C-alpha atoms as a PDB file:
ATOM      1  CA  MET A   1      10.236 -19.004 -15.947  1.00  0.00           C
ATOM      2  CA  SER A   2       7.893 -17.073 -13.451  1.00  0.00           C
ATOM      3  CA  ARG A   3       7.988 -18.560 -10.212  1.00  0.00           C
ATOM      4  CA  ILE A   4       5.554 -16.264  -8.612  1.00  0.00           C
ATOM      5  CA  GLY A   5       3.241 -16.496 -11.328  1.00  0.00           C
ATOM      6  CA  ASN A   6       3.196 -20.291 -11.125  1.00  0.00           C
ATOM      7  CA  ARG A   7       2.276 -20.362  -7.303  1.00  0.00           C
ATOM      8  CA  LYS A   8      -1.219 -21.368  -6.137  1.00  0.00           C
ATOM      9  CA  LEU A   9      -3.244 -18.782  -3.906  1.00  0.00           C
ATOM     10  CA  ASN A  10      -5.016 -20.295  -1.174  1.00  0.00           C
ATOM     11  CA  ILE A  11      -8.383 -18.570  -0.303  1.00  0.00           C
ATOM     12  CA  PRO A  12      -9.085 -18.308   3.186  1.00  0.00           C
ATOM     13  CA  ALA A  13     -12.415 -19.079   4.771  1.00  0.00           C
ATOM     14  CA  GLY A  14     -14.981 -16.323   4.335  1.00  0.00           C
ATOM     15  CA  VAL A  15     -13.507 -15.158   1.362  1.00  0.00           C
ATOM     16  CA  THR A  16     -15.021 -15.767  -2.092  1.00  0.00           C
ATOM     17  CA  VAL A  17     -13.130 -15.293  -5.413  1.00  0.00           C
ATOM     18  CA  THR A  18     -15.718 -15.114  -8.693  1.00  0.00           C
ATOM     19  CA  LEU A  19     -14.590 -14.844 -12.394  1.00  0.00           C
ATOM     20  CA  ASP A  20     -16.565 -13.288 -14.849  1.00  0.00           C
ATOM     21  CA  ASN A  21     -14.889 -13.325 -18.191  1.00  0.00           C
ATOM     22  CA  ASN A  22     -11.708 -11.093 -17.650  1.00  0.00           C
ATOM     23  CA  ASP A  23     -12.983  -9.810 -14.362  1.00  0.00           C
ATOM     24  CA  VAL A  24     -11.648 -11.263 -10.919  1.00  0.00           C
ATOM     25  CA  SER A  25     -13.907 -10.292  -7.896  1.00  0.00           C
ATOM     26  CA  VAL A  26     -12.752 -10.865  -4.386  1.00  0.00           C
ATOM     27  CA  LYS A  27     -15.248 -10.653  -1.523  1.00  0.00           C
ATOM     28  CA  GLY A  28     -14.512 -10.847   2.134  1.00  0.00           C
ATOM     29  CA  PRO A  29     -15.293  -9.566   5.496  1.00  0.00           C
ATOM     30  CA  LYS A  30     -13.737  -6.325   5.128  1.00  0.00           C
ATOM     31  CA  GLY A  31     -15.017  -5.383   1.700  1.00  0.00           C
ATOM     32  CA  GLU A  32     -14.748  -6.072  -2.046  1.00  0.00           C
ATOM     33  CA  LEU A  33     -12.005  -5.747  -4.797  1.00  0.00           C
ATOM     34  CA  SER A  34     -12.114  -6.190  -8.537  1.00  0.00           C
ATOM     35  CA  LEU A  35      -9.333  -6.665 -11.320  1.00  0.00           C
ATOM     36  CA  LYS A  36      -9.418  -6.745 -14.933  1.00  0.00           C
ATOM     37  CA  VAL A  37      -7.065  -9.244 -16.268  1.00  0.00           C
ATOM     38  CA  ASP A  38      -5.380  -9.219 -19.458  1.00  0.00           C
ATOM     39  CA  GLU A  39      -6.453 -11.499 -22.429  1.00  0.00           C
ATOM     40  CA  LEU A  40      -2.892 -13.051 -22.124  1.00  0.00           C
ATOM     41  CA  ILE A  41      -3.619 -14.399 -18.685  1.00  0.00           C
ATOM     42  CA  THR A  42      -6.143 -17.197 -17.561  1.00  0.00           C
ATOM     43  CA  VAL A  43      -7.408 -17.365 -14.117  1.00  0.00           C
ATOM     44  CA  LYS A  44      -8.708 -20.494 -12.618  1.00  0.00           C
ATOM     45  CA  VAL A  45     -10.459 -21.053  -9.316  1.00  0.00           C
ATOM     46  CA  GLU A  46     -10.978 -24.550  -7.989  1.00  0.00           C
ATOM     47  CA  ASP A  47     -10.824 -26.268  -4.605  1.00  0.00           C
ATOM     48  CA  ASN A  48     -10.092 -23.036  -2.831  1.00  0.00           C
ATOM     49  CA  THR A  49      -7.038 -22.159  -4.729  1.00  0.00           C
ATOM     50  CA  VAL A  50      -6.625 -19.645  -7.554  1.00  0.00           C
ATOM     51  CA  GLU A  51      -4.150 -20.465 -10.129  1.00  0.00           C
ATOM     52  CA  CYS A  52      -2.817 -18.270 -13.091  1.00  0.00           C
ATOM     53  CA  THR A  53      -1.711 -19.327 -16.579  1.00  0.00           C
ATOM     54  CA  ARG A  54      -0.067 -17.575 -19.600  1.00  0.00           C
ATOM     55  CA  ALA A  55      -1.347 -18.042 -22.889  1.00  0.00           C
ATOM     56  CA  ASN A  56       2.055 -18.322 -24.795  1.00  0.00           C
ATOM     57  CA  GLU A  57       5.771 -17.416 -23.957  1.00  0.00           C
ATOM     58  CA  SER A  58       5.868 -13.850 -25.481  1.00  0.00           C
ATOM     59  CA  ASN A  59       7.651 -11.132 -23.272  1.00  0.00           C
ATOM     60  CA  ALA A  60       4.028  -9.417 -22.658  1.00  0.00           C
ATOM     61  CA  SER A  61       2.615 -12.409 -20.969  1.00  0.00           C
ATOM     62  CA  LYS A  62       5.578 -13.504 -18.973  1.00  0.00           C
ATOM     63  CA  SER A  63       5.689 -10.006 -17.355  1.00  0.00           C
ATOM     64  CA  LEU A  64       1.893 -10.086 -16.767  1.00  0.00           C
ATOM     65  CA  HIS A  65       1.970 -13.550 -15.171  1.00  0.00           C
ATOM     66  CA  GLY A  66       3.685 -12.693 -11.976  1.00  0.00           C
ATOM     67  CA  THR A  67       1.958  -9.417 -11.737  1.00  0.00           C
ATOM     68  CA  THR A  68      -1.629 -10.878 -12.120  1.00  0.00           C
ATOM     69  CA  ASN A  69      -0.836 -13.408  -9.418  1.00  0.00           C
ATOM     70  CA  SER A  70       0.690 -10.898  -7.052  1.00  0.00           C
ATOM     71  CA  LEU A  71      -2.355  -8.257  -7.580  1.00  0.00           C
ATOM     72  CA  ILE A  72      -4.872 -11.264  -6.618  1.00  0.00           C
ATOM     73  CA  GLU A  73      -2.859 -12.297  -3.801  1.00  0.00           C
ATOM     74  CA  ASN A  74      -3.008  -8.688  -2.478  1.00  0.00           C
ATOM     75  CA  MET A  75      -6.735  -8.684  -3.017  1.00  0.00           C
ATOM     76  CA  ILE A  76      -7.426 -11.857  -0.891  1.00  0.00           C
ATOM     77  CA  ILE A  77      -5.097 -10.295   1.672  1.00  0.00           C
ATOM     78  CA  GLY A  78      -6.825  -7.006   1.741  1.00  0.00           C
ATOM     79  CA  VAL A  79     -10.286  -7.992   2.076  1.00  0.00           C
ATOM     80  CA  SER A  80      -9.482 -10.590   4.757  1.00  0.00           C
ATOM     81  CA  GLU A  81      -7.097  -8.945   6.824  1.00  0.00           C
ATOM     82  CA  GLY A  82      -6.549  -5.479   5.361  1.00  0.00           C
ATOM     83  CA  PHE A  83      -3.349  -3.279   5.021  1.00  0.00           C
ATOM     84  CA  GLU A  84      -1.685  -0.838   7.262  1.00  0.00           C
ATOM     85  CA  LYS A  85       1.174   1.665   7.063  1.00  0.00           C
ATOM     86  CA  SER A  86       2.445   3.912  10.107  1.00  0.00           C
ATOM     87  CA  LEU A  87       4.041   7.209   9.584  1.00  0.00           C
ATOM     88  CA  GLU A  88       5.955   9.294  12.121  1.00  0.00           C
ATOM     89  CA  ILE A  89       7.034  12.866  12.187  1.00  0.00           C
ATOM     90  CA  ASN A  90      10.241  14.345  13.856  1.00  0.00           C
ATOM     91  CA  GLY A  91      10.941  17.843  14.364  1.00  0.00           C
ATOM     92  CA  VAL A  92      10.268  20.692  16.711  1.00  0.00           C
ATOM     93  CA  GLY A  93       6.533  21.683  16.381  1.00  0.00           C
ATOM     94  CA  TYR A  94       5.984  18.976  13.885  1.00  0.00           C
ATOM     95  CA  LYS A  95       2.652  17.164  14.294  1.00  0.00           C
ATOM     96  CA  PHE A  96      -0.362  15.506  12.793  1.00  0.00           C
ATOM     97  CA  ASN A  97      -4.002  16.292  13.520  1.00  0.00           C
ATOM     98  CA  VAL A  98      -6.705  14.208  12.190  1.00  0.00           C
ATOM     99  CA  GLN A  99     -10.255  15.989  11.971  1.00  0.00           C
ATOM    100  CA  GLY A 100     -12.781  13.700  10.515  1.00  0.00           C
ATOM    101  CA  ASN A 101     -11.832  12.918   6.831  1.00  0.00           C
ATOM    102  CA  LYS A 102      -8.867  15.434   6.861  1.00  0.00           C
ATOM    103  CA  LEU A 103      -5.555  15.351   7.949  1.00  0.00           C
ATOM    104  CA  ASN A 104      -3.818  18.507   9.236  1.00  0.00           C
ATOM    105  CA  ILE A 105       0.124  18.341   9.044  1.00  0.00           C
ATOM    106  CA  THR A 106       2.211  20.816  10.778  1.00  0.00           C
ATOM    107  CA  ALA A 107       5.593  20.512   9.413  1.00  0.00           C
ATOM    108  CA  GLY A 108       7.587  23.681   9.411  1.00  0.00           C
ATOM    109  CA  PHE A 109       5.700  25.602   6.591  1.00  0.00           C
ATOM    110  CA  SER A 110       4.055  29.209   7.206  1.00  0.00           C
ATOM    111  CA  HIS A 111       0.742  27.343   6.874  1.00  0.00           C
ATOM    112  CA  PRO A 112      -0.763  23.928   8.097  1.00  0.00           C
ATOM    113  CA  VAL A 113      -0.816  21.575   5.076  1.00  0.00           C
ATOM    114  CA  VAL A 114      -4.470  20.089   4.742  1.00  0.00           C
ATOM    115  CA  VAL A 115      -4.660  16.519   2.986  1.00  0.00           C
ATOM    116  CA  ASP A 116      -8.117  14.929   2.270  1.00  0.00           C
ATOM    117  CA  VAL A 117      -8.286  11.132   3.017  1.00  0.00           C
ATOM    118  CA  PRO A 118      -9.350   9.200   0.091  1.00  0.00           C
ATOM    119  CA  ALA A 119     -12.217   6.871   0.251  1.00  0.00           C
ATOM    120  CA  GLY A 120     -11.864   3.499   1.420  1.00  0.00           C
ATOM    121  CA  LEU A 121      -8.993   4.619   3.681  1.00  0.00           C
ATOM    122  CA  SER A 122      -9.162   5.296   7.270  1.00  0.00           C
ATOM    123  CA  VAL A 123      -6.328   7.361   9.239  1.00  0.00           C
ATOM    124  CA  GLU A 124      -5.911   6.878  12.911  1.00  0.00           C
ATOM    125  CA  GLN A 125      -3.875   9.377  15.304  1.00  0.00           C
ATOM    126  CA  VAL A 126      -1.704   7.129  17.398  1.00  0.00           C
ATOM    127  CA  SER A 127      -0.296  10.426  19.067  1.00  0.00           C
ATOM    128  CA  ASN A 128       0.681  13.988  17.940  1.00  0.00           C
ATOM    129  CA  THR A 129       3.834  12.586  15.849  1.00  0.00           C
ATOM    130  CA  GLU A 130       2.345   9.079  14.687  1.00  0.00           C
ATOM    131  CA  ILE A 131      -0.515   8.209  12.286  1.00  0.00           C
ATOM    132  CA  THR A 132      -1.767   4.946  10.927  1.00  0.00           C
ATOM    133  CA  ILE A 133      -3.355   4.467   7.578  1.00  0.00           C
ATOM    134  CA  ARG A 134      -5.404   1.533   6.942  1.00  0.00           C
ATOM    135  CA  GLY A 135      -7.391   0.168   3.932  1.00  0.00           C
ATOM    136  CA  ILE A 136      -8.082  -2.954   1.923  1.00  0.00           C
ATOM    137  CA  ASP A 137      -6.340  -1.860  -1.059  1.00  0.00           C
ATOM    138  CA  LYS A 138      -2.656  -2.026  -0.877  1.00  0.00           C
ATOM    139  CA  GLN A 139      -1.870   0.273  -3.705  1.00  0.00           C
ATOM    140  CA  LYS A 140      -4.016   2.926  -2.236  1.00  0.00           C
ATOM    141  CA  VAL A 141      -2.680   2.539   1.227  1.00  0.00           C
ATOM    142  CA  THR A 142       0.966   2.928   0.174  1.00  0.00           C
ATOM    143  CA  GLU A 143       0.474   5.603  -2.388  1.00  0.00           C
ATOM    144  CA  PHE A 144      -1.412   7.611   0.221  1.00  0.00           C
ATOM    145  CA  ALA A 145       1.369   7.221   2.625  1.00  0.00           C
ATOM    146  CA  ALA A 146       4.068   8.213   0.121  1.00  0.00           C
ATOM    147  CA  ASN A 147       2.193  11.180  -0.740  1.00  0.00           C
ATOM    148  CA  ILE A 148       1.944  12.426   2.884  1.00  0.00           C
ATOM    149  CA  ARG A 149       5.686  11.469   3.206  1.00  0.00           C
ATOM    150  CA  LYS A 150       6.410  13.755   0.270  1.00  0.00           C
ATOM    151  CA  TRP A 151       5.357  17.046   2.276  1.00  0.00           C
ATOM    152  CA  ARG A 152       8.416  16.797   4.159  1.00  0.00           C
ATOM    153  CA  LYS A 153      10.935  14.057   3.403  1.00  0.00           C
ATOM    154  CA  PRO A 154      13.334  13.144   6.414  1.00  0.00           C
ATOM    155  CA  GLU A 155      16.537  15.242   6.028  1.00  0.00           C
ATOM    156  CA  PRO A 156      19.887  13.479   6.643  1.00  0.00           C
ATOM    157  CA  TYR A 157      21.181  15.991   8.982  1.00  0.00           C
ATOM    158  CA  LYS A 158      18.983  16.319  11.812  1.00  0.00           C
ATOM    159  CA  GLY A 159      16.592  13.570  10.968  1.00  0.00           C
ATOM    160  CA  LYS A 160      13.693  15.865  10.647  1.00  0.00           C
ATOM    161  CA  GLY A 161      10.848  15.154   8.563  1.00  0.00           C
ATOM    162  CA  ILE A 162       7.981  12.432   7.892  1.00  0.00           C
ATOM    163  CA  ARG A 163       9.130   8.729   7.518  1.00  0.00           C
ATOM    164  CA  TYR A 164       7.792   5.393   7.816  1.00  0.00           C
ATOM    165  CA  LYS A 165       7.436   3.625  11.105  1.00  0.00           C
ATOM    166  CA  GLY A 166      10.689   1.777  11.315  1.00  0.00           C
ATOM    167  CA  GLU A 167      12.521   3.496   8.592  1.00  0.00           C
ATOM    168  CA  ILE A 168      16.332   4.085   9.312  1.00  0.00           C
ATOM    169  CA  ILE A 169      17.596   7.476   8.035  1.00  0.00           C
ATOM    170  CA  ARG A 170      21.187   7.394   6.964  1.00  0.00           C
ATOM    171  CA  ARG A 171      22.718  10.536   9.076  1.00  0.00           C
ATOM    172  CA  LYS A 172      25.533  12.758   7.719  1.00  0.00           C
ATOM    173  CA  GLU A 173      27.775  14.554   9.897  1.00  0.00           C
ATOM    174  CA  GLY A 174      27.685  18.226   8.455  1.00  0.00           C
ATOM    175  CA  LYS A 175      30.223  21.135   8.467  1.00  0.00           C
ATOM    176  CA  LYS A 176      32.334  19.887  11.570  1.00  0.00           C
ATOM    177  CA  ALA A 177      33.340  16.821   9.160  1.00  0.00           C
ATOM    178  CA  ALA A 178      35.408  19.083   6.985  1.00  0.00           C
ATOM    179  CA  LYS A 179      38.004  20.157   9.214  1.00  0.00           C
END
């Protein structure tokens, strides 16, 4: 039984959800998102609520039921409030530099790493060592943040690298622990 798939999603004021065959479109003050829904899932919009039901009890429809509900919920939150992810960089000489639609990362390489910011996302530089990624699509925001973090993952000995804000890095003691 899918508890996530069975929940009814409330549509906030200023957001409209429209159905066109198997396409769900969500419009809000921050933008518009759309999703193509599988034939096994039926989406109903009535009285400012969205409800997903599945056609049968097959494993495929059960797995898509909760996923579809969560994707629609993320679309509603994205067009009304938006999503954000903060990253910080630790290390001597490590820094971020935002220049228009490009992000320069200085993270101990012989050259600065230049990353293009995808369309639909904005990167704000809070300080030299901290950035905030904002957008309406949760998947794009978190995927871009993960791709930036991949350039220099935090290491457990000195804690140097790129990490999410608030992420706790489990530290190790090093060689002196062997004696």
